[in-house]
């Protein structure tokens, strides 16, 4: 039976913060994102995690993207990684990435990584050897093309966030119905976030959820990277994968709705969504300070 994702859902899973807490109570997340061509995707992912409330955000990107990211990002820890001749991650980065992943509560892989044999090897190795929750977005998903067995063999069910084109490449289904989305999640032992109008979330247990927030102004490059960062943040803060996926999708859409109402669907940007997200989260303050 399909469940609706709304404020009641979000309120039921997002806790208030304890007065005596510190950054270690709110998760250490690792974002493995970016390349020479796509530093913006890494920026949006890392800031999505920061704005969603993570205690510590670490961003691992190829050296070619490091300078641009370091100039824009102040809250995340930025770790430059070995790169190939085109500024994408090289497999020589794997020992460092595995070490960083071993210290994280949740890991996001994919936003802006680009496509290469090195990236495919990195994604596969991290899925097999990382014990914490993994979120795969964009090129992290593209790396699975022809390798879905890796997802099924992962240490725990991963969260995949494909749009229609990415899902078609993975599944061969261009116009999926709700049953096919549910079957995909069950068959591949993953949490599936099928992005689009009324985003759907399917779980390995066969549950199906439908989001109620969002608008056409969110159909811009970078929006999905913000969502991926928000979801990995919620995982790092202790939400189970399904709750993190559903709540992240809902709050992402509501931030987009606020931006559209204030700035228009035409003119709003993913940066505006990052700006409005904290205003939504005031709902979960313990009190007015």
Protein backbone atom coordinates (compact mmCIF):
# COMPACT_ATOMS: atom_id res chain seq x y z
CA UNK A 1 0.00 0.00 0.00
CA UNK A 2 1.40 3.42 -0.99
CA UNK A 3 2.11 5.90 1.81
CA UNK A 4 2.11 9.68 1.46
CA UNK A 5 5.11 11.79 2.52
CA UNK A 6 3.96 15.02 4.15
CA UNK A 7 4.58 17.15 7.23
CA UNK A 8 3.11 14.47 9.48
CA UNK A 9 5.67 12.00 8.14
CA UNK A 10 8.62 14.39 8.58
CA UNK A 11 7.49 15.42 12.06
CA UNK A 12 7.30 11.78 13.12
CA UNK A 13 10.95 11.03 12.31
CA UNK A 14 12.91 14.28 12.85
CA UNK A 15 13.86 14.61 16.53
CA UNK A 16 14.41 17.80 18.50
CA UNK A 17 18.02 18.45 19.47
CA UNK A 18 19.22 17.81 23.00
CA UNK A 19 20.46 20.89 24.86
CA UNK A 20 23.73 19.19 25.87
CA UNK A 21 24.60 17.80 22.42
CA UNK A 22 27.69 18.51 20.30
CA UNK A 23 28.77 18.03 16.69
CA UNK A 24 29.51 14.35 17.25
CA UNK A 25 25.83 13.75 17.97
CA UNK A 26 24.80 14.89 14.48
CA UNK A 27 26.84 12.69 12.25
CA UNK A 28 30.06 12.71 10.29
CA UNK A 29 29.31 12.39 6.60
CA UNK A 30 31.64 11.95 3.64
CA UNK A 31 30.77 13.30 0.20
CA UNK A 32 32.85 11.78 -2.62
CA UNK A 33 31.93 14.19 -5.37
CA UNK A 34 33.21 16.51 -8.05
CA UNK A 35 35.71 16.67 -10.89
CA UNK A 36 37.50 19.35 -12.89
CA UNK A 37 34.38 19.92 -15.00
CA UNK A 38 31.76 19.55 -12.27
CA UNK A 39 32.89 21.27 -9.10
CA UNK A 40 29.43 22.84 -8.73
CA UNK A 41 27.79 19.46 -8.11
CA UNK A 42 30.20 18.81 -5.24
CA UNK A 43 29.45 22.24 -3.80
CA UNK A 44 25.69 21.70 -3.81
CA UNK A 45 25.99 18.21 -2.30
CA UNK A 46 28.28 19.32 0.51
CA UNK A 47 26.15 22.36 1.32
CA UNK A 48 22.98 20.24 1.25
CA UNK A 49 24.53 18.15 4.01
CA UNK A 50 25.66 21.23 5.96
CA UNK A 51 22.27 22.94 5.74
CA UNK A 52 20.46 19.73 6.74
CA UNK A 53 22.35 19.77 10.03
CA UNK A 54 25.32 17.39 9.85
CA UNK A 55 27.86 17.72 12.62
CA UNK A 56 30.88 17.36 10.32
CA UNK A 57 30.90 17.23 6.51
CA UNK A 58 34.00 16.04 4.65
CA UNK A 59 34.22 16.50 0.89
CA UNK A 60 36.69 14.32 -1.06
CA UNK A 61 37.27 15.66 -4.58
CA UNK A 62 39.99 15.40 -7.23
CA UNK A 63 42.81 17.92 -6.84
CA UNK A 64 41.66 19.69 -10.01
CA UNK A 65 38.45 20.75 -8.26
CA UNK A 66 40.00 21.51 -4.89
CA UNK A 67 40.95 25.15 -5.44
CA UNK A 68 37.51 26.18 -6.73
CA UNK A 69 35.75 24.32 -3.91
CA UNK A 70 38.04 25.63 -1.17
CA UNK A 71 37.27 29.18 -2.25
CA UNK A 72 33.50 28.64 -1.92
CA UNK A 73 33.10 26.18 0.94
CA UNK A 74 33.90 27.19 4.50
CA UNK A 75 32.05 24.66 6.68
CA UNK A 76 33.07 21.32 5.08
CA UNK A 77 36.52 19.78 5.39
CA UNK A 78 37.86 19.48 1.84
CA UNK A 79 40.28 16.65 1.01
CA UNK A 80 42.05 16.75 -2.39
CA UNK A 81 42.38 13.32 -4.02
CA UNK A 82 44.54 11.76 -6.77
CA UNK A 83 43.14 12.44 -10.22
CA UNK A 84 43.42 11.18 -13.79
CA UNK A 85 44.50 13.26 -16.80
CA UNK A 86 40.98 14.72 -17.17
CA UNK A 87 40.54 15.79 -13.56
CA UNK A 88 38.41 12.85 -12.39
CA UNK A 89 39.15 10.59 -9.44
CA UNK A 90 41.92 8.06 -10.00
CA UNK A 91 41.80 4.61 -8.43
CA UNK A 92 44.94 5.57 -6.46
CA UNK A 93 42.52 7.54 -4.27
CA UNK A 94 40.92 4.32 -3.00
CA UNK A 95 43.05 3.80 0.14
CA UNK A 96 42.33 7.36 1.31
CA UNK A 97 38.65 7.10 0.43
CA UNK A 98 38.25 3.80 2.27
CA UNK A 99 39.98 5.29 5.31
CA UNK A 100 37.69 8.34 5.28
CA UNK A 101 34.61 6.15 4.75
CA UNK A 102 35.62 4.00 7.70
CA UNK A 103 35.35 7.06 9.97
CA UNK A 104 32.02 8.29 8.55
CA UNK A 105 28.45 7.62 9.65
CA UNK A 106 27.19 7.89 6.05
CA UNK A 107 28.76 8.33 2.61
CA UNK A 108 27.51 10.03 -0.56
CA UNK A 109 29.13 8.99 -3.84
CA UNK A 110 28.62 10.43 -7.26
CA UNK A 111 27.66 14.09 -7.68
CA UNK A 112 29.84 15.42 -10.50
CA UNK A 113 32.38 12.57 -10.51
CA UNK A 114 32.17 12.02 -14.27
CA UNK A 115 32.34 8.62 -15.93
CA UNK A 116 35.48 6.48 -16.26
CA UNK A 117 36.81 3.02 -15.49
CA UNK A 118 38.50 4.48 -12.40
CA UNK A 119 35.19 5.85 -11.11
CA UNK A 120 33.47 2.50 -11.74
CA UNK A 121 36.16 0.68 -9.74
CA UNK A 122 35.98 3.20 -6.91
CA UNK A 123 32.19 2.95 -6.64
CA UNK A 124 32.24 -0.85 -6.68
CA UNK A 125 34.97 -1.13 -4.06
CA UNK A 126 33.32 1.36 -1.73
CA UNK A 127 29.97 -0.43 -2.01
CA UNK A 128 31.55 -3.77 -1.16
CA UNK A 129 33.80 -2.61 1.67
CA UNK A 130 32.04 0.32 3.37
CA UNK A 131 29.89 -0.66 6.35
CA UNK A 132 27.97 2.58 6.90
CA UNK A 133 25.01 3.81 4.85
CA UNK A 134 25.85 4.76 1.24
CA UNK A 135 23.88 7.14 -0.97
CA UNK A 136 24.52 6.92 -4.73
CA UNK A 137 23.64 9.84 -6.97
CA UNK A 138 24.38 10.91 -10.56
CA UNK A 139 27.68 9.36 -11.73
CA UNK A 140 27.66 7.04 -8.74
CA UNK A 141 24.52 5.57 -10.31
CA UNK A 142 25.93 5.68 -13.84
CA UNK A 143 28.88 3.59 -12.65
CA UNK A 144 26.43 0.77 -11.85
CA UNK A 145 25.35 0.37 -15.49
CA UNK A 146 25.94 -3.34 -16.13
CA UNK A 147 27.10 -3.88 -12.54
CA UNK A 148 23.89 -4.05 -10.51
CA UNK A 149 25.20 -7.22 -8.85
CA UNK A 150 27.45 -4.91 -6.82
CA UNK A 151 24.39 -3.19 -5.34
CA UNK A 152 22.87 -6.50 -4.32
CA UNK A 153 26.14 -7.55 -2.65
CA UNK A 154 26.69 -4.30 -0.72
CA UNK A 155 27.26 -4.43 3.03
CA UNK A 156 23.84 -2.82 3.57
CA UNK A 157 21.07 -1.71 1.19
CA UNK A 158 22.22 1.44 -0.59
CA UNK A 159 20.12 4.47 -1.46
CA UNK A 160 19.90 5.17 -5.21
CA UNK A 161 18.54 8.50 -6.45
CA UNK A 162 17.99 8.22 -10.23
CA UNK A 163 15.98 10.51 -12.45
CA UNK A 164 14.06 8.95 -15.35
CA UNK A 165 17.03 8.69 -17.72
CA UNK A 166 19.32 7.13 -15.14
CA UNK A 167 16.65 4.66 -14.09
CA UNK A 168 16.07 3.66 -17.71
CA UNK A 169 19.77 2.89 -18.13
CA UNK A 170 19.81 0.74 -14.99
CA UNK A 171 16.54 -1.10 -15.50
CA UNK A 172 15.68 -0.87 -19.21
CA UNK A 173 12.29 0.60 -18.20
CA UNK A 174 11.55 4.01 -19.70
CA UNK A 175 8.10 4.62 -18.22
CA UNK A 176 7.99 2.74 -14.91
CA UNK A 177 4.79 2.30 -12.99
CA UNK A 178 4.64 1.97 -9.24
CA UNK A 179 4.82 -1.82 -9.38
CA UNK A 180 8.03 -1.79 -11.42
CA UNK A 181 9.63 0.71 -9.04
CA UNK A 182 8.76 -1.50 -6.09
CA UNK A 183 10.05 -4.63 -7.85
CA UNK A 184 13.33 -2.89 -8.71
CA UNK A 185 13.96 -2.01 -5.06
CA UNK A 186 13.12 -5.52 -3.87
CA UNK A 187 15.08 -7.31 -6.59
CA UNK A 188 18.19 -5.15 -6.16
CA UNK A 189 18.05 -4.85 -2.37
CA UNK A 190 18.13 -1.05 -2.36
CA UNK A 191 16.16 2.04 -1.41
CA UNK A 192 15.09 3.66 -4.68
CA UNK A 193 14.29 7.37 -4.95
CA UNK A 194 12.76 7.88 -8.39
CA UNK A 195 13.06 11.64 -8.85
CA UNK A 196 10.50 13.72 -10.70
CA UNK A 197 6.97 15.01 -10.28
CA UNK A 198 5.70 13.44 -7.04
CA UNK A 199 8.96 11.63 -6.38
CA UNK A 200 8.47 8.00 -5.32
CA UNK A 201 10.53 6.05 -2.77
CA UNK A 202 10.60 2.23 -2.82
CA UNK A 203 12.23 -0.02 -0.24
CA UNK A 204 13.73 -3.56 -0.26
CA UNK A 205 10.74 -4.65 1.85
CA UNK A 206 8.31 -3.65 -0.89
CA UNK A 207 7.05 -0.41 0.68
CA UNK A 208 6.20 2.48 -1.63
CA UNK A 209 5.99 6.17 -0.68
CA UNK A 210 4.91 9.20 -2.70
CA UNK A 211 6.14 12.73 -2.04
CA UNK A 212 3.71 15.66 -1.94
CA UNK A 213 6.06 18.65 -2.23
CA UNK A 214 8.01 20.31 -5.04
CA UNK A 215 7.38 22.28 -8.23
CA UNK A 216 8.68 22.68 -11.82
CA UNK A 217 11.10 25.44 -10.79
CA UNK A 218 13.27 22.74 -9.22
CA UNK A 219 14.02 21.25 -12.64
CA UNK A 220 17.48 22.82 -12.82
CA UNK A 221 21.01 21.46 -12.66
CA UNK A 222 22.22 21.20 -9.07
CA UNK A 223 18.83 20.53 -7.49
CA UNK A 224 19.44 16.79 -7.26
CA UNK A 225 22.88 17.35 -5.74
CA UNK A 226 21.28 19.36 -2.92
CA UNK A 227 18.84 16.48 -2.34
CA UNK A 228 21.64 13.90 -2.21
CA UNK A 229 23.49 15.97 0.39
CA UNK A 230 20.36 16.32 2.49
CA UNK A 231 19.70 12.58 2.44
CA UNK A 232 23.24 11.57 3.41
CA UNK A 233 23.05 14.12 6.23
CA UNK A 234 19.87 12.55 7.60
CA UNK A 235 21.44 9.09 7.38
CA UNK A 236 24.47 10.35 9.28
CA UNK A 237 22.22 11.81 11.96
CA UNK A 238 20.77 8.36 12.61
CA UNK A 239 17.60 8.12 10.54
CA UNK A 240 17.06 4.77 8.88
CA UNK A 241 17.58 4.75 5.12
CA UNK A 242 13.90 4.79 4.18
CA UNK A 243 13.04 7.60 6.61
CA UNK A 244 16.04 9.63 5.43
CA UNK A 245 15.05 9.17 1.78
CA UNK A 246 11.42 10.14 2.33
CA UNK A 247 12.08 13.05 4.68
CA UNK A 248 14.90 14.40 2.51
CA UNK A 249 12.68 14.32 -0.57
CA UNK A 250 9.86 16.11 1.24
CA UNK A 251 11.98 18.88 2.80
CA UNK A 252 13.84 19.35 -0.49
CA UNK A 253 10.53 19.89 -2.25
CA UNK A 254 9.26 22.26 0.45
CA UNK A 255 12.44 24.34 0.21
CA UNK A 256 11.80 24.50 -3.53
CA UNK A 257 8.22 25.57 -2.91
CA UNK A 258 9.34 28.42 -0.66
CA UNK A 259 11.87 29.54 -3.27
CA UNK A 260 9.28 29.43 -6.06
CA UNK A 261 6.73 31.38 -4.03
CA UNK A 262 9.25 34.11 -3.28
CA UNK A 263 11.31 34.20 -6.48
CA UNK A 264 9.24 32.40 -9.19
CA UNK A 265 9.63 28.97 -10.77
CA UNK A 266 11.58 30.59 -13.61
CA UNK A 267 14.08 32.49 -11.51
CA UNK A 268 14.68 30.25 -8.48
CA UNK A 269 17.94 28.28 -8.26
CA UNK A 270 19.36 25.41 -6.19
CA UNK A 271 21.29 28.05 -4.24
CA UNK A 272 17.95 29.56 -3.27
CA UNK A 273 16.80 26.17 -2.03
CA UNK A 274 19.85 26.01 0.23
CA UNK A 275 18.89 29.46 1.49
CA UNK A 276 15.31 28.52 2.32
CA UNK A 277 15.94 25.09 3.83
CA UNK A 278 17.01 26.45 7.26
CA UNK A 279 13.79 28.46 7.44
CA UNK A 280 11.83 25.23 7.13
CA UNK A 281 13.90 23.61 9.83
CA UNK A 282 13.01 26.29 12.40
CA UNK A 283 9.98 24.06 12.88
CA UNK A 284 12.26 21.71 14.84
CA UNK A 285 13.85 24.24 17.17
CA UNK A 286 13.55 23.24 20.82
CA UNK A 287 12.38 26.82 21.49
CA UNK A 288 12.88 30.39 20.32
CA UNK A 289 16.28 31.67 21.45
